[in-house]
C-alpha atoms as a PDB file:
ATOM      1  CA  UNK A   1       0.000   0.000   0.000  1.00  0.00           C
ATOM      2  CA  UNK A   2       3.020   2.289  -0.353  1.00  0.00           C
ATOM      3  CA  UNK A   3       1.586   3.966  -3.449  1.00  0.00           C
ATOM      4  CA  UNK A   4      -1.750   4.574  -1.743  1.00  0.00           C
ATOM      5  CA  UNK A   5       0.029   6.002   1.271  1.00  0.00           C
ATOM      6  CA  UNK A   6       2.039   8.391  -0.929  1.00  0.00           C
ATOM      7  CA  UNK A   7      -0.982   9.467  -2.976  1.00  0.00           C
ATOM      8  CA  UNK A   8      -3.532   9.854  -0.199  1.00  0.00           C
ATOM      9  CA  UNK A   9      -1.467  10.844   2.849  1.00  0.00           C
ATOM     10  CA  UNK A  10      -2.833  14.407   2.814  1.00  0.00           C
ATOM     11  CA  UNK A  11      -6.444  13.392   2.346  1.00  0.00           C
ATOM     12  CA  UNK A  12      -8.782  12.224   5.059  1.00  0.00           C
ATOM     13  CA  UNK A  13     -10.612   9.755   2.815  1.00  0.00           C
ATOM     14  CA  UNK A  14     -10.369   5.994   3.260  1.00  0.00           C
ATOM     15  CA  UNK A  15      -8.518   3.950   0.656  1.00  0.00           C
ATOM     16  CA  UNK A  16      -8.895   0.210   0.321  1.00  0.00           C
ATOM     17  CA  UNK A  17      -7.321  -2.591  -1.639  1.00  0.00           C
ATOM     18  CA  UNK A  18      -8.563  -6.012  -2.524  1.00  0.00           C
ATOM     19  CA  UNK A  19      -7.072  -8.897  -4.458  1.00  0.00           C
ATOM     20  CA  UNK A  20      -9.292 -11.365  -6.263  1.00  0.00           C
ATOM     21  CA  UNK A  21     -10.610 -14.258  -4.177  1.00  0.00           C
ATOM     22  CA  UNK A  22     -10.830 -17.824  -5.384  1.00  0.00           C
ATOM     23  CA  UNK A  23     -13.643 -18.142  -7.883  1.00  0.00           C
ATOM     24  CA  UNK A  24     -16.095 -19.725  -5.444  1.00  0.00           C
ATOM     25  CA  UNK A  25     -17.050 -16.699  -3.376  1.00  0.00           C
ATOM     26  CA  UNK A  26     -19.586 -14.049  -4.456  1.00  0.00           C
ATOM     27  CA  UNK A  27     -18.443 -11.591  -1.790  1.00  0.00           C
ATOM     28  CA  UNK A  28     -15.305  -9.574  -1.572  1.00  0.00           C
ATOM     29  CA  UNK A  29     -13.295  -9.021   1.534  1.00  0.00           C
ATOM     30  CA  UNK A  30     -11.071  -6.090   2.459  1.00  0.00           C
ATOM     31  CA  UNK A  31      -7.390  -6.966   2.200  1.00  0.00           C
ATOM     32  CA  UNK A  32      -5.827  -3.595   2.990  1.00  0.00           C
ATOM     33  CA  UNK A  33      -7.099  -0.326   4.379  1.00  0.00           C
ATOM     34  CA  UNK A  34      -5.704   3.135   4.948  1.00  0.00           C
ATOM     35  CA  UNK A  35      -7.546   5.968   6.629  1.00  0.00           C
ATOM     36  CA  UNK A  36      -9.868   6.115   9.562  1.00  0.00           C
ATOM     37  CA  UNK A  37     -12.806   8.141   8.288  1.00  0.00           C
ATOM     38  CA  UNK A  38     -15.964   6.848   9.924  1.00  0.00           C
ATOM     39  CA  UNK A  39     -18.834   6.137   7.577  1.00  0.00           C
ATOM     40  CA  UNK A  40     -21.988   4.107   8.322  1.00  0.00           C
ATOM     41  CA  UNK A  41     -20.383   0.656   8.391  1.00  0.00           C
ATOM     42  CA  UNK A  42     -17.559  -0.678  10.528  1.00  0.00           C
ATOM     43  CA  UNK A  43     -14.926  -1.683   7.972  1.00  0.00           C
ATOM     44  CA  UNK A  44     -11.758  -3.538   8.841  1.00  0.00           C
ATOM     45  CA  UNK A  45      -9.538  -6.052   7.108  1.00  0.00           C
ATOM     46  CA  UNK A  46     -11.565  -9.191   6.541  1.00  0.00           C
ATOM     47  CA  UNK A  47     -14.977  -7.486   6.454  1.00  0.00           C
ATOM     48  CA  UNK A  48     -17.191  -9.089   3.802  1.00  0.00           C
ATOM     49  CA  UNK A  49     -19.453  -7.121   1.473  1.00  0.00           C
ATOM     50  CA  UNK A  50     -21.729  -8.162  -1.380  1.00  0.00           C
ATOM     51  CA  UNK A  51     -19.459  -7.582  -4.382  1.00  0.00           C
ATOM     52  CA  UNK A  52     -21.989  -6.086  -6.786  1.00  0.00           C
ATOM     53  CA  UNK A  53     -22.826  -3.179  -4.479  1.00  0.00           C
ATOM     54  CA  UNK A  54     -19.233  -2.028  -3.981  1.00  0.00           C
ATOM     55  CA  UNK A  55     -16.940  -0.226  -6.384  1.00  0.00           C
ATOM     56  CA  UNK A  56     -14.172  -2.770  -5.723  1.00  0.00           C
ATOM     57  CA  UNK A  57     -16.529  -5.653  -6.407  1.00  0.00           C
ATOM     58  CA  UNK A  58     -17.856  -4.060  -9.595  1.00  0.00           C
ATOM     59  CA  UNK A  59     -14.323  -3.716 -10.982  1.00  0.00           C
ATOM     60  CA  UNK A  60     -13.540  -7.356 -10.206  1.00  0.00           C
ATOM     61  CA  UNK A  61     -16.886  -8.716 -11.455  1.00  0.00           C
ATOM     62  CA  UNK A  62     -16.742  -6.685 -14.670  1.00  0.00           C
ATOM     63  CA  UNK A  63     -13.373  -8.270 -15.512  1.00  0.00           C
ATOM     64  CA  UNK A  64     -14.655 -11.851 -15.264  1.00  0.00           C
ATOM     65  CA  UNK A  65     -15.887 -13.912 -18.200  1.00  0.00           C
ATOM     66  CA  UNK A  66     -19.696 -13.865 -18.324  1.00  0.00           C
ATOM     67  CA  UNK A  67     -20.184 -17.526 -17.333  1.00  0.00           C
ATOM     68  CA  UNK A  68     -17.919 -17.183 -14.299  1.00  0.00           C
ATOM     69  CA  UNK A  69     -19.578 -13.909 -13.274  1.00  0.00           C
ATOM     70  CA  UNK A  70     -23.062 -15.470 -13.573  1.00  0.00           C
ATOM     71  CA  UNK A  71     -21.982 -18.475 -11.507  1.00  0.00           C
ATOM     72  CA  UNK A  72     -20.619 -16.239  -8.735  1.00  0.00           C
ATOM     73  CA  UNK A  73     -23.616 -13.929  -8.699  1.00  0.00           C
ATOM     74  CA  UNK A  74     -25.947 -16.921  -8.409  1.00  0.00           C
ATOM     75  CA  UNK A  75     -24.305 -17.905  -5.102  1.00  0.00           C
ATOM     76  CA  UNK A  76     -25.811 -16.469  -1.908  1.00  0.00           C
ATOM     77  CA  UNK A  77     -23.847 -13.718  -0.226  1.00  0.00           C
ATOM     78  CA  UNK A  78     -22.304 -14.617   3.117  1.00  0.00           C
ATOM     79  CA  UNK A  79     -21.695 -10.990   4.062  1.00  0.00           C
ATOM     80  CA  UNK A  80     -24.690 -10.561   6.347  1.00  0.00           C
ATOM     81  CA  UNK A  81     -25.292  -7.095   4.875  1.00  0.00           C
ATOM     82  CA  UNK A  82     -28.509  -6.223   3.084  1.00  0.00           C
ATOM     83  CA  UNK A  83     -27.542  -3.783   0.324  1.00  0.00           C
ATOM     84  CA  UNK A  84     -29.730  -0.848  -0.728  1.00  0.00           C
ATOM     85  CA  UNK A  85     -29.302  -1.544  -4.460  1.00  0.00           C
ATOM     86  CA  UNK A  86     -30.635  -4.844  -5.787  1.00  0.00           C
ATOM     87  CA  UNK A  87     -30.676  -4.541  -9.569  1.00  0.00           C
ATOM     88  CA  UNK A  88     -32.403  -6.912 -11.939  1.00  0.00           C
ATOM     89  CA  UNK A  89     -30.204  -8.791 -14.411  1.00  0.00           C
ATOM     90  CA  UNK A  90     -30.519  -6.162 -17.157  1.00  0.00           C
ATOM     91  CA  UNK A  91     -29.577  -3.258 -14.872  1.00  0.00           C
ATOM     92  CA  UNK A  92     -26.724  -5.267 -13.369  1.00  0.00           C
ATOM     93  CA  UNK A  93     -25.314  -6.224 -16.779  1.00  0.00           C
ATOM     94  CA  UNK A  94     -25.546  -2.613 -17.974  1.00  0.00           C
ATOM     95  CA  UNK A  95     -23.708  -1.374 -14.859  1.00  0.00           C
ATOM     96  CA  UNK A  96     -20.891  -3.914 -15.266  1.00  0.00           C
ATOM     97  CA  UNK A  97     -20.615  -3.176 -18.999  1.00  0.00           C
ATOM     98  CA  UNK A  98     -20.213   0.505 -18.143  1.00  0.00           C
ATOM     99  CA  UNK A  99     -17.414  -0.360 -15.698  1.00  0.00           C
ATOM    100  CA  UNK A 100     -15.616  -2.430 -18.357  1.00  0.00           C
ATOM    101  CA  UNK A 101     -15.918   0.349 -20.943  1.00  0.00           C
ATOM    102  CA  UNK A 102     -14.735   3.246 -18.801  1.00  0.00           C
ATOM    103  CA  UNK A 103     -12.158   1.298 -16.774  1.00  0.00           C
ATOM    104  CA  UNK A 104     -13.347   2.225 -13.269  1.00  0.00           C
ATOM    105  CA  UNK A 105     -16.416   1.900 -11.043  1.00  0.00           C
ATOM    106  CA  UNK A 106     -18.579   4.245  -8.996  1.00  0.00           C
ATOM    107  CA  UNK A 107     -21.057   3.410  -6.255  1.00  0.00           C
ATOM    108  CA  UNK A 108     -23.341   5.986  -4.739  1.00  0.00           C
ATOM    109  CA  UNK A 109     -24.956   4.688  -1.547  1.00  0.00           C
ATOM    110  CA  UNK A 110     -25.684   1.317  -3.191  1.00  0.00           C
ATOM    111  CA  UNK A 111     -24.277  -0.655  -0.262  1.00  0.00           C
ATOM    112  CA  UNK A 112     -25.417   1.528   2.617  1.00  0.00           C
ATOM    113  CA  UNK A 113     -26.523   5.109   3.294  1.00  0.00           C
ATOM    114  CA  UNK A 114     -23.685   7.621   3.300  1.00  0.00           C
ATOM    115  CA  UNK A 115     -21.111   5.526   1.418  1.00  0.00           C
ATOM    116  CA  UNK A 116     -19.922   6.703  -1.975  1.00  0.00           C
ATOM    117  CA  UNK A 117     -16.822   5.237  -3.631  1.00  0.00           C
ATOM    118  CA  UNK A 118     -14.797   4.855  -6.805  1.00  0.00           C
ATOM    119  CA  UNK A 119     -12.505   1.960  -7.712  1.00  0.00           C
ATOM    120  CA  UNK A 120      -9.838   1.262 -10.303  1.00  0.00           C
ATOM    121  CA  UNK A 121      -8.340  -2.034 -11.454  1.00  0.00           C
ATOM    122  CA  UNK A 122      -4.810  -3.239 -10.810  1.00  0.00           C
ATOM    123  CA  UNK A 123      -3.592  -5.286 -13.776  1.00  0.00           C
ATOM    124  CA  UNK A 124      -0.872  -7.848 -14.346  1.00  0.00           C
ATOM    125  CA  UNK A 125       1.594  -7.806 -17.229  1.00  0.00           C
ATOM    126  CA  UNK A 126      -1.012  -9.524 -19.469  1.00  0.00           C
ATOM    127  CA  UNK A 127      -3.522  -6.738 -18.625  1.00  0.00           C
ATOM    128  CA  UNK A 128      -5.730  -9.075 -16.569  1.00  0.00           C
ATOM    129  CA  UNK A 129      -7.426  -7.488 -13.562  1.00  0.00           C
ATOM    130  CA  UNK A 130      -5.819  -9.041 -10.475  1.00  0.00           C
ATOM    131  CA  UNK A 131      -6.929  -6.583  -7.796  1.00  0.00           C
ATOM    132  CA  UNK A 132      -8.711  -3.283  -7.270  1.00  0.00           C
ATOM    133  CA  UNK A 133      -8.214  -0.107  -5.241  1.00  0.00           C
ATOM    134  CA  UNK A 134     -10.874   2.291  -4.093  1.00  0.00           C
ATOM    135  CA  UNK A 135     -11.512   5.553  -2.328  1.00  0.00           C
ATOM    136  CA  UNK A 136     -14.547   5.710  -0.054  1.00  0.00           C
ATOM    137  CA  UNK A 137     -16.082   8.979   1.032  1.00  0.00           C
ATOM    138  CA  UNK A 138     -19.062  10.157   3.004  1.00  0.00           C
ATOM    139  CA  UNK A 139     -21.801  11.075   0.538  1.00  0.00           C
ATOM    140  CA  UNK A 140     -22.815  14.193   2.466  1.00  0.00           C
ATOM    141  CA  UNK A 141     -19.267  15.565   2.503  1.00  0.00           C
ATOM    142  CA  UNK A 142     -18.098  14.690  -1.020  1.00  0.00           C
ATOM    143  CA  UNK A 143     -20.053  15.127  -4.237  1.00  0.00           C
ATOM    144  CA  UNK A 144     -19.835  12.719  -7.154  1.00  0.00           C
ATOM    145  CA  UNK A 145     -18.179  15.513  -9.145  1.00  0.00           C
ATOM    146  CA  UNK A 146     -15.437  15.944  -6.528  1.00  0.00           C
ATOM    147  CA  UNK A 147     -14.979  12.202  -6.326  1.00  0.00           C
ATOM    148  CA  UNK A 148     -14.648  11.753 -10.099  1.00  0.00           C
ATOM    149  CA  UNK A 149     -12.863  14.985 -10.989  1.00  0.00           C
ATOM    150  CA  UNK A 150     -10.471  15.314  -8.057  1.00  0.00           C
ATOM    151  CA  UNK A 151      -9.925  11.822  -6.640  1.00  0.00           C
ATOM    152  CA  UNK A 152     -10.403   9.569  -9.674  1.00  0.00           C
ATOM    153  CA  UNK A 153      -7.318  10.803 -11.594  1.00  0.00           C
ATOM    154  CA  UNK A 154      -5.182  10.172  -8.509  1.00  0.00           C
ATOM    155  CA  UNK A 155      -6.725   6.743  -7.996  1.00  0.00           C
ATOM    156  CA  UNK A 156      -6.154   5.736 -11.629  1.00  0.00           C
ATOM    157  CA  UNK A 157      -2.557   6.963 -11.418  1.00  0.00           C
ATOM    158  CA  UNK A 158      -1.980   4.968  -8.237  1.00  0.00           C
ATOM    159  CA  UNK A 159      -3.507   1.807  -9.745  1.00  0.00           C
ATOM    160  CA  UNK A 160      -1.279   2.230 -12.817  1.00  0.00           C
ATOM    161  CA  UNK A 161       1.818   2.567 -10.600  1.00  0.00           C
ATOM    162  CA  UNK A 162       0.917  -0.571  -8.666  1.00  0.00           C
ATOM    163  CA  UNK A 163       0.253  -2.419 -11.943  1.00  0.00           C
ATOM    164  CA  UNK A 164       3.678  -1.338 -13.229  1.00  0.00           C
ATOM    165  CA  UNK A 165       5.318  -2.476  -9.988  1.00  0.00           C
ATOM    166  CA  UNK A 166       3.518  -5.817 -10.259  1.00  0.00           C
ATOM    167  CA  UNK A 167       4.818  -6.298 -13.801  1.00  0.00           C
ATOM    168  CA  UNK A 168       8.344  -5.328 -12.791  1.00  0.00           C
ATOM    169  CA  UNK A 169       8.253  -7.604  -9.769  1.00  0.00           C
ATOM    170  CA  UNK A 170       6.962 -10.545 -11.803  1.00  0.00           C
ATOM    171  CA  UNK A 171       9.820 -10.135 -14.294  1.00  0.00           C
ATOM    172  CA  UNK A 172      12.435  -9.714 -11.567  1.00  0.00           C
ATOM    173  CA  UNK A 173      11.297 -12.821  -9.715  1.00  0.00           C
ATOM    174  CA  UNK A 174      11.468 -15.193 -12.639  1.00  0.00           C
ATOM    175  CA  UNK A 175      13.900 -17.900 -11.604  1.00  0.00           C
ATOM    176  CA  UNK A 176      15.331 -20.395 -14.014  1.00  0.00           C
ATOM    177  CA  UNK A 177      16.254 -23.724 -12.536  1.00  0.00           C
ATOM    178  CA  UNK A 178      18.592 -25.730 -14.699  1.00  0.00           C
ATOM    179  CA  UNK A 179      18.724 -29.484 -14.467  1.00  0.00           C
ATOM    180  CA  UNK A 180      22.300 -30.729 -14.135  1.00  0.00           C
ATOM    181  CA  UNK A 181      23.445 -33.016 -16.889  1.00  0.00           C
ATOM    182  CA  UNK A 182      23.906 -36.630 -15.854  1.00  0.00           C
ATOM    183  CA  UNK A 183      26.327 -37.381 -18.694  1.00  0.00           C
ATOM    184  CA  UNK A 184      29.376 -37.267 -16.417  1.00  0.00           C
ATOM    185  CA  UNK A 185      27.749 -38.804 -13.359  1.00  0.00           C
ATOM    186  CA  UNK A 186      29.352 -41.944 -11.965  1.00  0.00           C
ATOM    187  CA  UNK A 187      27.240 -45.046 -12.417  1.00  0.00           C
END
């Protein structure tokens, strides 16, 4: 979370990160968090949320192949949270298509009153979405315009930096193990 710390250290908004879960869980769970702004839900590492109603979850769901996404969304949520937004299949598909096309997600009090957030994907060297970052704000304090015009460019920049670091790290950690030749080995 070094990039998020550098980008958001002067802001009082919460930033969160999440890596994709195994493909048998319809929820998403916080994996990293920075900031202590109180909103309407108690959020800590390990808190589960219904994925479709969060900006992080929308980014991750939008990146999945349709059959895998449908399978996950058919599973019952184990989050224990009743979201405010429960779209039908057409509205849901339109929302996820919009996320895929623009490359980021917005939620406006879809999970719970007072929570507004944006999320951006973190990609691997093959451009696959492997994680997501978000900024959560209190809806009364921060307008959608402020969120998208002021915070979104910083969030996208941070996600791009983390994606670049991921690619660099993957290339640096490639280890080649050679098998010794047995031609000169004693029998």
